[in-house]
Amino acid sequence: MESSNSQQSQCIISSKQQVKDESSKHQPDYDDIITTLPVGESWNLPSNLYKYQGFWCTPEFLNGVISAKQRFKPLDKDVILCTYPKSGTNWLKALAFSIMTRTKFDFSSHPLLTTPPISCVSYIEFEHAQGVDASREFPLTSTHIPYSSLPDSIISSDCKIVYICRDPKDVFVSWWYHVNYFVCNDKGPISLEKAFDLFCQGIVLFGPFWDHVLEYWKASLERPDKILFLKYEDLKRDPSYYVKNLAVFMGYPFSLQEKAEGCVEKIIELCSFETLGNLEVNKSGKLQGAIVDAEHPAKIFFRKGKIGDWKNHLTGDMANRLDRIIEEKLSGSGLKF
């Protein structure tokens, strides 16, 4: 193990400095595209949603997606963590980061103890799209971009993609809480009922949810050597099995000695919601650079992390409606929730 854990942790933090807007470099493409796109309801957020290549995004995300297509150049050794928002992104980031860097950091002074997971792994559509190559210290990055909108450079490369999905009812509830933190206009928070209706119509950031999931699912069936498809609920029920599989897929398998010494269990414990959610940095700390031109408390990414919390929010009719939509949209794919 290296002795300069604190210095390396600080390096990760400093490399995530607030990203300056360089959208002017891509402005002609962005302006030409956004003026032609359908506009959807914004969930009471400050900016509208625009439908680009079949998915809804804000102007900031749209600019990031376009910029990433132009600028992001993956390495063959890269591992890219892909998620629909609120599906376990931070947990997957923590696990993958811990697996990849386990020989560099001691568990007692690990960067995750002082740095939110979202700040340990950069986003293609933010830092990398703006020319900040922060993750090259470790070949690990992330994105919410739908599969069909990923840069061609990723699709044609030999890098690995890991995708995690989650029960859409829990995704929706988590989204609703998350979005209402950002609402800052005179309309106030969006109601559960209105948000649910928009979600069921597919009008949600990077939605429709079912299309986002289905694209990665089909791609994983076509290229299982390149894309690992995980379910949040499976990872919760048997973390040891899936963490070991994740390590093998990423190219960082656990040795027999590591398994005997409890390395797998240490990573699971370090990355658990209970551990990360109770750290001061994730309760009162600020995020910087994780989202362009934004600084937010890390706690907005740590609410409950439980399976089935939707039962405390959705009526039976609402749950049945979304179940029917998902069943119809995923029919014949082999994917079920």
C-alpha atoms as a PDB file:
ATOM      1  CA  MET A   1       0.000   0.000   0.000  1.00  0.00           C
ATOM      2  CA  GLU A   2       1.182   3.564  -0.648  1.00  0.00           C
ATOM      3  CA  SER A   3       1.769   5.801   2.340  1.00  0.00           C
ATOM      4  CA  SER A   4       0.560   9.035   0.712  1.00  0.00           C
ATOM      5  CA  ASN A   5      -3.158   8.214   0.768  1.00  0.00           C
ATOM      6  CA  SER A   6      -4.179  11.658   1.979  1.00  0.00           C
ATOM      7  CA  GLN A   7      -2.148  13.359  -0.743  1.00  0.00           C
ATOM      8  CA  GLN A   8      -3.675  11.138  -3.431  1.00  0.00           C
ATOM      9  CA  SER A   9      -7.136  11.778  -2.036  1.00  0.00           C
ATOM     10  CA  GLN A  10      -6.479  15.517  -2.200  1.00  0.00           C
ATOM     11  CA  CYS A  11      -5.303  15.095  -5.790  1.00  0.00           C
ATOM     12  CA  ILE A  12      -8.655  13.544  -6.683  1.00  0.00           C
ATOM     13  CA  ILE A  13     -10.495  16.424  -5.050  1.00  0.00           C
ATOM     14  CA  SER A  14      -8.401  19.124  -6.694  1.00  0.00           C
ATOM     15  CA  SER A  15      -8.732  17.497 -10.110  1.00  0.00           C
ATOM     16  CA  LYS A  16     -12.504  17.922  -9.777  1.00  0.00           C
ATOM     17  CA  GLN A  17     -12.322  21.694  -9.691  1.00  0.00           C
ATOM     18  CA  GLN A  18     -15.262  23.622 -11.089  1.00  0.00           C
ATOM     19  CA  VAL A  19     -15.308  23.083 -14.850  1.00  0.00           C
ATOM     20  CA  LYS A  20     -15.352  26.295 -16.848  1.00  0.00           C
ATOM     21  CA  ASP A  21     -17.909  26.544 -19.586  1.00  0.00           C
ATOM     22  CA  GLU A  22     -16.294  26.045 -22.978  1.00  0.00           C
ATOM     23  CA  SER A  23     -19.556  25.649 -24.829  1.00  0.00           C
ATOM     24  CA  SER A  24     -18.581  28.428 -27.225  1.00  0.00           C
ATOM     25  CA  LYS A  25     -16.220  25.963 -28.902  1.00  0.00           C
ATOM     26  CA  HIS A  26     -19.225  23.812 -29.803  1.00  0.00           C
ATOM     27  CA  GLN A  27     -21.830  26.576 -30.063  1.00  0.00           C
ATOM     28  CA  PRO A  28     -22.634  26.326 -33.794  1.00  0.00           C
ATOM     29  CA  ASP A  29     -23.595  22.631 -33.532  1.00  0.00           C
ATOM     30  CA  TYR A  30     -25.453  23.177 -30.276  1.00  0.00           C
ATOM     31  CA  ASP A  31     -27.424  26.200 -31.521  1.00  0.00           C
ATOM     32  CA  ASP A  32     -28.311  24.513 -34.791  1.00  0.00           C
ATOM     33  CA  ILE A  33     -29.576  21.419 -32.998  1.00  0.00           C
ATOM     34  CA  ILE A  34     -31.484  22.796 -30.012  1.00  0.00           C
ATOM     35  CA  THR A  35     -33.684  25.122 -32.074  1.00  0.00           C
ATOM     36  CA  THR A  36     -35.076  22.129 -33.977  1.00  0.00           C
ATOM     37  CA  LEU A  37     -35.903  19.918 -30.990  1.00  0.00           C
ATOM     38  CA  PRO A  38     -39.297  19.178 -29.379  1.00  0.00           C
ATOM     39  CA  VAL A  39     -39.758  20.867 -26.002  1.00  0.00           C
ATOM     40  CA  GLY A  40     -41.243  19.055 -22.986  1.00  0.00           C
ATOM     41  CA  GLU A  41     -42.385  20.022 -19.503  1.00  0.00           C
ATOM     42  CA  SER A  42     -39.494  20.758 -17.198  1.00  0.00           C
ATOM     43  CA  TRP A  43     -40.628  19.172 -13.892  1.00  0.00           C
ATOM     44  CA  ASN A  44     -40.546  22.791 -12.546  1.00  0.00           C
ATOM     45  CA  LEU A  45     -36.792  22.924 -13.103  1.00  0.00           C
ATOM     46  CA  PRO A  46     -35.162  26.184 -14.286  1.00  0.00           C
ATOM     47  CA  SER A  47     -34.707  24.989 -17.874  1.00  0.00           C
ATOM     48  CA  ASN A  48     -36.907  23.110 -20.328  1.00  0.00           C
ATOM     49  CA  LEU A  49     -36.390  19.556 -21.480  1.00  0.00           C
ATOM     50  CA  TYR A  50     -35.479  18.979 -25.125  1.00  0.00           C
ATOM     51  CA  LYS A  51     -35.908  15.694 -26.980  1.00  0.00           C
ATOM     52  CA  TYR A  52     -32.653  14.726 -28.673  1.00  0.00           C
ATOM     53  CA  GLN A  53     -32.227  11.399 -30.472  1.00  0.00           C
ATOM     54  CA  GLY A  54     -35.320  10.057 -28.707  1.00  0.00           C
ATOM     55  CA  PHE A  55     -34.359  11.147 -25.173  1.00  0.00           C
ATOM     56  CA  TRP A  56     -35.127  14.195 -23.045  1.00  0.00           C
ATOM     57  CA  CYS A  57     -32.347  16.409 -21.704  1.00  0.00           C
ATOM     58  CA  THR A  58     -31.723  19.915 -20.377  1.00  0.00           C
ATOM     59  CA  PRO A  59     -29.667  22.390 -22.444  1.00  0.00           C
ATOM     60  CA  GLU A  60     -26.674  21.743 -20.173  1.00  0.00           C
ATOM     61  CA  PHE A  61     -26.857  17.992 -20.683  1.00  0.00           C
ATOM     62  CA  LEU A  62     -27.490  18.412 -24.402  1.00  0.00           C
ATOM     63  CA  ASN A  63     -24.371  20.519 -24.763  1.00  0.00           C
ATOM     64  CA  GLY A  64     -22.442  17.886 -22.807  1.00  0.00           C
ATOM     65  CA  VAL A  65     -23.696  15.051 -25.001  1.00  0.00           C
ATOM     66  CA  ILE A  66     -22.784  16.931 -28.186  1.00  0.00           C
ATOM     67  CA  SER A  67     -19.390  17.926 -26.790  1.00  0.00           C
ATOM     68  CA  ALA A  68     -18.656  14.370 -25.651  1.00  0.00           C
ATOM     69  CA  LYS A  69     -19.350  13.091 -29.156  1.00  0.00           C
ATOM     70  CA  GLN A  70     -16.730  15.492 -30.463  1.00  0.00           C
ATOM     71  CA  ARG A  71     -14.115  15.294 -27.746  1.00  0.00           C
ATOM     72  CA  PHE A  72     -14.140  12.072 -25.749  1.00  0.00           C
ATOM     73  CA  LYS A  73     -11.475   9.569 -26.764  1.00  0.00           C
ATOM     74  CA  PRO A  74     -11.540   6.419 -24.619  1.00  0.00           C
ATOM     75  CA  LEU A  75      -8.581   4.205 -23.960  1.00  0.00           C
ATOM     76  CA  ASP A  76      -8.958   0.477 -24.571  1.00  0.00           C
ATOM     77  CA  LYS A  77      -8.367  -0.110 -20.855  1.00  0.00           C
ATOM     78  CA  ASP A  78     -11.140   2.284 -19.816  1.00  0.00           C
ATOM     79  CA  VAL A  79     -14.143   1.138 -17.796  1.00  0.00           C
ATOM     80  CA  ILE A  80     -17.220   3.313 -18.317  1.00  0.00           C
ATOM     81  CA  LEU A  81     -20.008   3.199 -15.746  1.00  0.00           C
ATOM     82  CA  CYS A  82     -23.353   3.875 -17.413  1.00  0.00           C
ATOM     83  CA  THR A  83     -26.578   4.448 -15.522  1.00  0.00           C
ATOM     84  CA  TYR A  84     -30.020   5.912 -15.777  1.00  0.00           C
ATOM     85  CA  PRO A  85     -30.063   8.571 -13.012  1.00  0.00           C
ATOM     86  CA  LYS A  86     -31.156   7.416  -9.531  1.00  0.00           C
ATOM     87  CA  SER A  87     -30.435   3.760 -10.293  1.00  0.00           C
ATOM     88  CA  GLY A  88     -27.433   3.240  -8.029  1.00  0.00           C
ATOM     89  CA  THR A  89     -24.890   5.485  -9.729  1.00  0.00           C
ATOM     90  CA  ASN A  90     -22.966   6.451  -6.614  1.00  0.00           C
ATOM     91  CA  TRP A  91     -22.897   2.916  -5.269  1.00  0.00           C
ATOM     92  CA  LEU A  92     -21.559   1.592  -8.566  1.00  0.00           C
ATOM     93  CA  LYS A  93     -18.978   4.384  -8.681  1.00  0.00           C
ATOM     94  CA  ALA A  94     -17.801   3.578  -5.168  1.00  0.00           C
ATOM     95  CA  LEU A  95     -17.546  -0.158  -5.840  1.00  0.00           C
ATOM     96  CA  ALA A  96     -15.769   0.181  -9.184  1.00  0.00           C
ATOM     97  CA  PHE A  97     -13.385   2.825  -7.853  1.00  0.00           C
ATOM     98  CA  SER A  98     -12.553   0.698  -4.800  1.00  0.00           C
ATOM     99  CA  ILE A  99     -12.000  -2.413  -6.925  1.00  0.00           C
ATOM    100  CA  MET A 100      -9.750  -0.632  -9.385  1.00  0.00           C
ATOM    101  CA  THR A 101      -7.655   1.207  -6.784  1.00  0.00           C
ATOM    102  CA  ARG A 102      -7.506  -1.359  -3.999  1.00  0.00           C
ATOM    103  CA  THR A 103      -3.711  -1.768  -4.226  1.00  0.00           C
ATOM    104  CA  LYS A 104      -3.168   1.985  -4.051  1.00  0.00           C
ATOM    105  CA  PHE A 105      -5.213   2.966  -1.024  1.00  0.00           C
ATOM    106  CA  ASP A 106      -5.481   1.599   2.472  1.00  0.00           C
ATOM    107  CA  PHE A 107      -9.050   0.990   3.628  1.00  0.00           C
ATOM    108  CA  SER A 108      -8.444   2.930   6.852  1.00  0.00           C
ATOM    109  CA  SER A 109      -7.600   6.115   4.947  1.00  0.00           C
ATOM    110  CA  HIS A 110      -9.422   5.554   1.678  1.00  0.00           C
ATOM    111  CA  PRO A 111     -10.406   8.544  -0.523  1.00  0.00           C
ATOM    112  CA  LEU A 112     -14.065   7.517  -0.210  1.00  0.00           C
ATOM    113  CA  LEU A 113     -13.877   8.371   3.490  1.00  0.00           C
ATOM    114  CA  THR A 114     -13.247  12.023   2.617  1.00  0.00           C
ATOM    115  CA  THR A 115     -14.566  12.395  -0.946  1.00  0.00           C
ATOM    116  CA  PRO A 116     -18.104  11.716  -2.261  1.00  0.00           C
ATOM    117  CA  PRO A 117     -18.243   8.884  -4.828  1.00  0.00           C
ATOM    118  CA  ILE A 118     -19.644  11.230  -7.462  1.00  0.00           C
ATOM    119  CA  SER A 119     -16.435  13.277  -7.190  1.00  0.00           C
ATOM    120  CA  CYS A 120     -14.126  10.264  -7.436  1.00  0.00           C
ATOM    121  CA  VAL A 121     -15.324   9.287 -10.908  1.00  0.00           C
ATOM    122  CA  SER A 122     -15.859  12.001 -13.513  1.00  0.00           C
ATOM    123  CA  TYR A 123     -18.650  12.277 -16.084  1.00  0.00           C
ATOM    124  CA  ILE A 124     -18.106  12.042 -19.829  1.00  0.00           C
ATOM    125  CA  GLU A 125     -20.753  14.705 -20.452  1.00  0.00           C
ATOM    126  CA  PHE A 126     -19.225  17.145 -17.976  1.00  0.00           C
ATOM    127  CA  GLU A 127     -15.511  17.080 -17.199  1.00  0.00           C
ATOM    128  CA  HIS A 128     -14.421  15.112 -20.257  1.00  0.00           C
ATOM    129  CA  ALA A 129     -16.759  16.929 -22.626  1.00  0.00           C
ATOM    130  CA  GLN A 130     -15.106  20.189 -21.551  1.00  0.00           C
ATOM    131  CA  GLY A 131     -11.582  18.901 -22.016  1.00  0.00           C
ATOM    132  CA  VAL A 132     -10.747  18.025 -18.404  1.00  0.00           C
ATOM    133  CA  ASP A 133      -9.151  14.584 -18.425  1.00  0.00           C
ATOM    134  CA  ALA A 134      -9.347  14.020 -14.685  1.00  0.00           C
ATOM    135  CA  SER A 135      -9.910  10.273 -14.635  1.00  0.00           C
ATOM    136  CA  ARG A 136      -6.827   9.265 -16.584  1.00  0.00           C
ATOM    137  CA  GLU A 137      -5.002   8.703 -13.287  1.00  0.00           C
ATOM    138  CA  PHE A 138      -7.412   5.772 -13.116  1.00  0.00           C
ATOM    139  CA  PRO A 139      -9.072   4.417 -16.304  1.00  0.00           C
ATOM    140  CA  LEU A 140     -12.574   4.885 -14.928  1.00  0.00           C
ATOM    141  CA  THR A 141     -15.305   7.304 -15.955  1.00  0.00           C
ATOM    142  CA  SER A 142     -19.107   7.478 -15.999  1.00  0.00           C
ATOM    143  CA  THR A 143     -22.128   8.748 -17.894  1.00  0.00           C
ATOM    144  CA  HIS A 144     -25.925   8.993 -17.975  1.00  0.00           C
ATOM    145  CA  ILE A 145     -25.897   9.249 -21.786  1.00  0.00           C
ATOM    146  CA  PRO A 146     -28.207   6.719 -23.531  1.00  0.00           C
ATOM    147  CA  TYR A 147     -26.420   3.988 -25.473  1.00  0.00           C
ATOM    148  CA  SER A 148     -27.559   5.292 -28.863  1.00  0.00           C
ATOM    149  CA  SER A 149     -26.155   8.748 -28.070  1.00  0.00           C
ATOM    150  CA  LEU A 150     -22.760   7.601 -26.789  1.00  0.00           C
ATOM    151  CA  PRO A 151     -19.730   8.885 -28.709  1.00  0.00           C
ATOM    152  CA  ASP A 152     -18.846   6.631 -31.635  1.00  0.00           C
ATOM    153  CA  SER A 153     -15.363   6.449 -30.152  1.00  0.00           C
ATOM    154  CA  ILE A 154     -16.762   4.417 -27.234  1.00  0.00           C
ATOM    155  CA  ILE A 155     -18.805   2.029 -29.356  1.00  0.00           C
ATOM    156  CA  SER A 156     -15.862   1.247 -31.628  1.00  0.00           C
ATOM    157  CA  SER A 157     -13.289   0.913 -28.840  1.00  0.00           C
ATOM    158  CA  ASP A 158     -12.375  -2.085 -26.684  1.00  0.00           C
ATOM    159  CA  CYS A 159     -13.229  -0.336 -23.426  1.00  0.00           C
ATOM    160  CA  LYS A 160     -15.655  -2.008 -21.010  1.00  0.00           C
ATOM    161  CA  ILE A 161     -19.114  -0.708 -20.124  1.00  0.00           C
ATOM    162  CA  VAL A 162     -20.909  -1.505 -16.866  1.00  0.00           C
ATOM    163  CA  TYR A 163     -24.621  -0.661 -16.682  1.00  0.00           C
ATOM    164  CA  ILE A 164     -26.826  -0.880 -13.607  1.00  0.00           C
ATOM    165  CA  CYS A 165     -30.634  -0.594 -13.616  1.00  0.00           C
ATOM    166  CA  ARG A 166     -33.220  -0.453 -10.855  1.00  0.00           C
ATOM    167  CA  ASP A 167     -36.932  -1.019 -10.290  1.00  0.00           C
ATOM    168  CA  PRO A 168     -38.536   1.954 -12.086  1.00  0.00           C
ATOM    169  CA  LYS A 169     -40.919   2.629  -9.205  1.00  0.00           C
ATOM    170  CA  ASP A 170     -37.991   3.218  -6.843  1.00  0.00           C
ATOM    171  CA  VAL A 171     -36.206   5.189  -9.571  1.00  0.00           C
ATOM    172  CA  PHE A 172     -39.195   7.488  -9.915  1.00  0.00           C
ATOM    173  CA  VAL A 173     -39.526   8.169  -6.184  1.00  0.00           C
ATOM    174  CA  SER A 174     -35.806   8.909  -5.916  1.00  0.00           C
ATOM    175  CA  TRP A 175     -36.049  11.200  -8.965  1.00  0.00           C
ATOM    176  CA  TRP A 176     -38.975  13.095  -7.462  1.00  0.00           C
ATOM    177  CA  TYR A 177     -37.075  13.843  -4.252  1.00  0.00           C
ATOM    178  CA  HIS A 178     -33.922  14.721  -6.166  1.00  0.00           C
ATOM    179  CA  VAL A 179     -35.599  17.083  -8.639  1.00  0.00           C
ATOM    180  CA  ASN A 180     -37.490  18.936  -5.913  1.00  0.00           C
ATOM    181  CA  TYR A 181     -34.165  19.842  -4.310  1.00  0.00           C
ATOM    182  CA  PHE A 182     -33.231  21.767  -7.478  1.00  0.00           C
ATOM    183  CA  VAL A 183     -36.571  23.488  -8.054  1.00  0.00           C
ATOM    184  CA  CYS A 184     -35.922  27.196  -7.711  1.00  0.00           C
ATOM    185  CA  ASN A 185     -38.782  29.039  -9.379  1.00  0.00           C
ATOM    186  CA  ASP A 186     -42.110  30.473  -8.310  1.00  0.00           C
ATOM    187  CA  LYS A 187     -43.930  27.265  -9.219  1.00  0.00           C
ATOM    188  CA  GLY A 188     -42.467  25.506  -6.205  1.00  0.00           C
ATOM    189  CA  PRO A 189     -41.892  21.732  -5.911  1.00  0.00           C
ATOM    190  CA  ILE A 190     -43.569  19.516  -8.471  1.00  0.00           C
ATOM    191  CA  SER A 191     -46.287  17.310  -7.006  1.00  0.00           C
ATOM    192  CA  LEU A 192     -45.828  13.558  -6.822  1.00  0.00           C
ATOM    193  CA  GLU A 193     -48.875  13.049  -9.023  1.00  0.00           C
ATOM    194  CA  LYS A 194     -47.744  15.405 -11.798  1.00  0.00           C
ATOM    195  CA  ALA A 195     -44.189  14.086 -11.748  1.00  0.00           C
ATOM    196  CA  PHE A 196     -45.484  10.522 -11.920  1.00  0.00           C
ATOM    197  CA  ASP A 197     -47.678  11.321 -14.923  1.00  0.00           C
ATOM    198  CA  LEU A 198     -44.706  12.873 -16.759  1.00  0.00           C
ATOM    199  CA  PHE A 199     -42.507   9.892 -15.865  1.00  0.00           C
ATOM    200  CA  CYS A 200     -45.119   7.513 -17.256  1.00  0.00           C
ATOM    201  CA  GLN A 201     -45.177   9.556 -20.468  1.00  0.00           C
ATOM    202  CA  GLY A 202     -41.403   9.209 -20.657  1.00  0.00           C
ATOM    203  CA  ILE A 203     -40.898  12.963 -20.198  1.00  0.00           C
ATOM    204  CA  VAL A 204     -38.062  12.965 -17.701  1.00  0.00           C
ATOM    205  CA  LEU A 205     -34.363  13.759 -17.885  1.00  0.00           C
ATOM    206  CA  PHE A 206     -32.653  11.104 -20.047  1.00  0.00           C
ATOM    207  CA  GLY A 207     -36.008   9.375 -20.361  1.00  0.00           C
ATOM    208  CA  PRO A 208     -38.004   7.507 -21.353  1.00  0.00           C
ATOM    209  CA  PHE A 209     -36.631   5.282 -18.609  1.00  0.00           C
ATOM    210  CA  TRP A 210     -37.584   2.068 -20.417  1.00  0.00           C
ATOM    211  CA  ASP A 211     -35.792   3.051 -23.631  1.00  0.00           C
ATOM    212  CA  HIS A 212     -32.624   3.956 -21.736  1.00  0.00           C
ATOM    213  CA  VAL A 213     -32.580   0.586 -19.983  1.00  0.00           C
ATOM    214  CA  LEU A 214     -33.623  -1.413 -23.030  1.00  0.00           C
ATOM    215  CA  GLU A 215     -30.872  -0.014 -25.255  1.00  0.00           C
ATOM    216  CA  TYR A 216     -28.140  -1.087 -22.837  1.00  0.00           C
ATOM    217  CA  TRP A 217     -29.847  -4.434 -22.218  1.00  0.00           C
ATOM    218  CA  LYS A 218     -29.953  -5.292 -25.924  1.00  0.00           C
ATOM    219  CA  ALA A 219     -26.362  -4.117 -26.379  1.00  0.00           C
ATOM    220  CA  SER A 220     -25.243  -6.331 -23.480  1.00  0.00           C
ATOM    221  CA  LEU A 221     -26.849  -9.354 -25.151  1.00  0.00           C
ATOM    222  CA  GLU A 222     -25.104  -8.570 -28.421  1.00  0.00           C
ATOM    223  CA  ARG A 223     -21.713  -7.839 -26.828  1.00  0.00           C
ATOM    224  CA  PRO A 224     -21.479  -9.537 -23.404  1.00  0.00           C
ATOM    225  CA  ASP A 225     -17.684  -9.269 -23.543  1.00  0.00           C
ATOM    226  CA  LYS A 226     -17.968  -5.468 -23.692  1.00  0.00           C
ATOM    227  CA  ILE A 227     -21.081  -4.674 -21.620  1.00  0.00           C
ATOM    228  CA  LEU A 228     -21.962  -5.994 -18.166  1.00  0.00           C
ATOM    229  CA  PHE A 229     -25.628  -5.476 -17.245  1.00  0.00           C
ATOM    230  CA  LEU A 230     -26.433  -5.426 -13.520  1.00  0.00           C
ATOM    231  CA  LYS A 231     -29.572  -5.004 -11.459  1.00  0.00           C
ATOM    232  CA  TYR A 232     -29.532  -2.904  -8.302  1.00  0.00           C
ATOM    233  CA  GLU A 233     -31.728  -5.394  -6.489  1.00  0.00           C
ATOM    234  CA  ASP A 234     -29.432  -8.346  -7.338  1.00  0.00           C
ATOM    235  CA  LEU A 235     -26.407  -6.424  -6.104  1.00  0.00           C
ATOM    236  CA  LYS A 236     -28.231  -5.646  -2.861  1.00  0.00           C
ATOM    237  CA  ARG A 237     -29.245  -9.265  -2.267  1.00  0.00           C
ATOM    238  CA  ASP A 238     -25.870 -10.863  -3.022  1.00  0.00           C
ATOM    239  CA  PRO A 239     -23.157  -8.185  -3.038  1.00  0.00           C
ATOM    240  CA  SER A 240     -20.247 -10.617  -2.659  1.00  0.00           C
ATOM    241  CA  TYR A 241     -21.128 -12.587  -5.789  1.00  0.00           C
ATOM    242  CA  TYR A 242     -21.698  -9.523  -7.971  1.00  0.00           C
ATOM    243  CA  VAL A 243     -18.725  -7.550  -6.674  1.00  0.00           C
ATOM    244  CA  LYS A 244     -16.445 -10.460  -7.579  1.00  0.00           C
ATOM    245  CA  ASN A 245     -18.077 -10.695 -11.025  1.00  0.00           C
ATOM    246  CA  LEU A 246     -17.684  -6.957 -11.477  1.00  0.00           C
ATOM    247  CA  ALA A 247     -13.986  -7.172 -10.610  1.00  0.00           C
ATOM    248  CA  VAL A 248     -13.425  -9.963 -13.147  1.00  0.00           C
ATOM    249  CA  PHE A 249     -15.294  -8.085 -15.879  1.00  0.00           C
ATOM    250  CA  MET A 250     -13.347  -4.887 -15.223  1.00  0.00           C
ATOM    251  CA  GLY A 251     -10.061  -6.785 -15.498  1.00  0.00           C
ATOM    252  CA  TYR A 252      -9.203  -6.543 -11.797  1.00  0.00           C
ATOM    253  CA  PRO A 253     -10.086 -10.007 -10.396  1.00  0.00           C
ATOM    254  CA  PHE A 254      -9.526 -10.751  -6.727  1.00  0.00           C
ATOM    255  CA  SER A 255      -6.687 -13.155  -6.008  1.00  0.00           C
ATOM    256  CA  LEU A 256      -7.166 -16.141  -3.735  1.00  0.00           C
ATOM    257  CA  GLN A 257      -5.121 -14.362  -1.094  1.00  0.00           C
ATOM    258  CA  GLU A 258      -7.265 -11.232  -1.332  1.00  0.00           C
ATOM    259  CA  LYS A 259     -10.406 -13.316  -0.933  1.00  0.00           C
ATOM    260  CA  ALA A 260      -8.928 -15.118   2.071  1.00  0.00           C
ATOM    261  CA  GLU A 261      -7.957 -11.795   3.659  1.00  0.00           C
ATOM    262  CA  GLY A 262     -11.511 -10.464   3.308  1.00  0.00           C
ATOM    263  CA  CYS A 263     -10.778  -7.848   0.652  1.00  0.00           C
ATOM    264  CA  VAL A 264     -14.167  -8.370  -1.011  1.00  0.00           C
ATOM    265  CA  GLU A 265     -16.019  -7.887   2.269  1.00  0.00           C
ATOM    266  CA  LYS A 266     -13.962  -4.777   3.099  1.00  0.00           C
ATOM    267  CA  ILE A 267     -14.917  -3.170  -0.204  1.00  0.00           C
ATOM    268  CA  ILE A 268     -18.585  -4.043   0.284  1.00  0.00           C
ATOM    269  CA  GLU A 269     -18.532  -2.553   3.784  1.00  0.00           C
ATOM    270  CA  LEU A 270     -16.677   0.584   2.700  1.00  0.00           C
ATOM    271  CA  CYS A 271     -19.115   1.182  -0.168  1.00  0.00           C
ATOM    272  CA  SER A 272     -22.302   0.327   1.706  1.00  0.00           C
ATOM    273  CA  PHE A 273     -25.025   2.948   2.017  1.00  0.00           C
ATOM    274  CA  GLU A 274     -24.720   2.724   5.791  1.00  0.00           C
ATOM    275  CA  THR A 275     -21.006   3.551   5.730  1.00  0.00           C
ATOM    276  CA  LEU A 276     -20.993   6.202   3.010  1.00  0.00           C
ATOM    277  CA  GLY A 277     -24.287   7.789   4.028  1.00  0.00           C
ATOM    278  CA  ASN A 278     -23.073   8.340   7.589  1.00  0.00           C
ATOM    279  CA  LEU A 279     -19.776   9.970   6.646  1.00  0.00           C
ATOM    280  CA  GLU A 280     -19.614  13.677   7.407  1.00  0.00           C
ATOM    281  CA  VAL A 281     -18.459  14.445   3.863  1.00  0.00           C
ATOM    282  CA  ASN A 282     -21.676  12.906   2.518  1.00  0.00           C
ATOM    283  CA  LYS A 283     -23.908  14.593   5.081  1.00  0.00           C
ATOM    284  CA  SER A 284     -22.645  18.173   5.117  1.00  0.00           C
ATOM    285  CA  GLY A 285     -19.929  18.241   2.441  1.00  0.00           C
ATOM    286  CA  LYS A 286     -20.223  20.132  -0.833  1.00  0.00           C
ATOM    287  CA  LEU A 287     -19.838  18.809  -4.354  1.00  0.00           C
ATOM    288  CA  GLN A 288     -17.654  20.811  -6.690  1.00  0.00           C
ATOM    289  CA  GLY A 289     -17.154  20.091 -10.358  1.00  0.00           C
ATOM    290  CA  ALA A 290     -19.445  17.065 -10.491  1.00  0.00           C
ATOM    291  CA  ILE A 291     -21.996  19.132 -12.428  1.00  0.00           C
ATOM    292  CA  VAL A 292     -21.126  22.079 -14.620  1.00  0.00           C
ATOM    293  CA  ASP A 293     -21.557  25.443 -12.865  1.00  0.00           C
ATOM    294  CA  ALA A 294     -23.022  23.854  -9.745  1.00  0.00           C
ATOM    295  CA  GLU A 295     -22.172  23.335  -6.107  1.00  0.00           C
ATOM    296  CA  HIS A 296     -24.527  21.166  -4.087  1.00  0.00           C
ATOM    297  CA  PRO A 297     -24.505  19.239  -0.809  1.00  0.00           C
ATOM    298  CA  ALA A 298     -23.431  15.626  -1.186  1.00  0.00           C
ATOM    299  CA  LYS A 299     -26.382  14.491   0.944  1.00  0.00           C
ATOM    300  CA  ILE A 300     -28.760  14.864  -2.022  1.00  0.00           C
ATOM    301  CA  PHE A 301     -27.219  11.649  -3.362  1.00  0.00           C
ATOM    302  CA  PHE A 302     -27.804   9.724  -0.133  1.00  0.00           C
ATOM    303  CA  ARG A 303     -31.493   9.462   0.733  1.00  0.00           C
ATOM    304  CA  LYS A 304     -32.358   5.825   1.593  1.00  0.00           C
ATOM    305  CA  GLY A 305     -30.955   3.408  -0.964  1.00  0.00           C
ATOM    306  CA  LYS A 306     -33.576   0.788  -0.044  1.00  0.00           C
ATOM    307  CA  ILE A 307     -35.476  -1.660  -2.217  1.00  0.00           C
ATOM    308  CA  GLY A 308     -39.237  -1.074  -2.282  1.00  0.00           C
ATOM    309  CA  ASP A 309     -39.389   2.428  -0.770  1.00  0.00           C
ATOM    310  CA  TRP A 310     -41.895   3.225  -3.529  1.00  0.00           C
ATOM    311  CA  LYS A 311     -44.531   1.453  -1.408  1.00  0.00           C
ATOM    312  CA  ASN A 312     -44.420   4.410   0.985  1.00  0.00           C
ATOM    313  CA  HIS A 313     -45.257   6.867  -1.798  1.00  0.00           C
ATOM    314  CA  LEU A 314     -47.216   5.321  -4.672  1.00  0.00           C
ATOM    315  CA  THR A 315     -50.812   4.171  -4.560  1.00  0.00           C
ATOM    316  CA  GLY A 316     -51.744   0.731  -5.828  1.00  0.00           C
ATOM    317  CA  ASP A 317     -53.194   2.251  -9.004  1.00  0.00           C
ATOM    318  CA  MET A 318     -50.015   4.228  -9.662  1.00  0.00           C
ATOM    319  CA  ALA A 319     -47.824   1.173  -9.175  1.00  0.00           C
ATOM    320  CA  ASN A 320     -50.038  -0.930 -11.444  1.00  0.00           C
ATOM    321  CA  ARG A 321     -49.975   1.752 -14.140  1.00  0.00           C
ATOM    322  CA  LEU A 322     -46.189   1.904 -14.229  1.00  0.00           C
ATOM    323  CA  ASP A 323     -45.878  -1.890 -14.059  1.00  0.00           C
ATOM    324  CA  ARG A 324     -48.153  -2.220 -17.096  1.00  0.00           C
ATOM    325  CA  ILE A 325     -46.148   0.347 -19.043  1.00  0.00           C
ATOM    326  CA  ILE A 326     -42.841  -1.359 -18.243  1.00  0.00           C
ATOM    327  CA  GLU A 327     -44.233  -4.792 -19.101  1.00  0.00           C
ATOM    328  CA  GLU A 328     -45.458  -3.496 -22.448  1.00  0.00           C
ATOM    329  CA  LYS A 329     -42.276  -1.589 -23.304  1.00  0.00           C
ATOM    330  CA  LEU A 330     -39.958  -4.476 -22.375  1.00  0.00           C
ATOM    331  CA  SER A 331     -42.151  -7.186 -23.873  1.00  0.00           C
ATOM    332  CA  GLY A 332     -40.145  -9.806 -25.728  1.00  0.00           C
ATOM    333  CA  SER A 333     -36.771  -8.464 -24.584  1.00  0.00           C
ATOM    334  CA  GLY A 334     -36.218 -10.965 -21.790  1.00  0.00           C
ATOM    335  CA  LEU A 335     -35.662  -8.139 -19.307  1.00  0.00           C
ATOM    336  CA  LYS A 336     -37.974  -8.001 -16.303  1.00  0.00           C
ATOM    337  CA  PHE A 337     -38.221  -6.119 -13.022  1.00  0.00           C
END
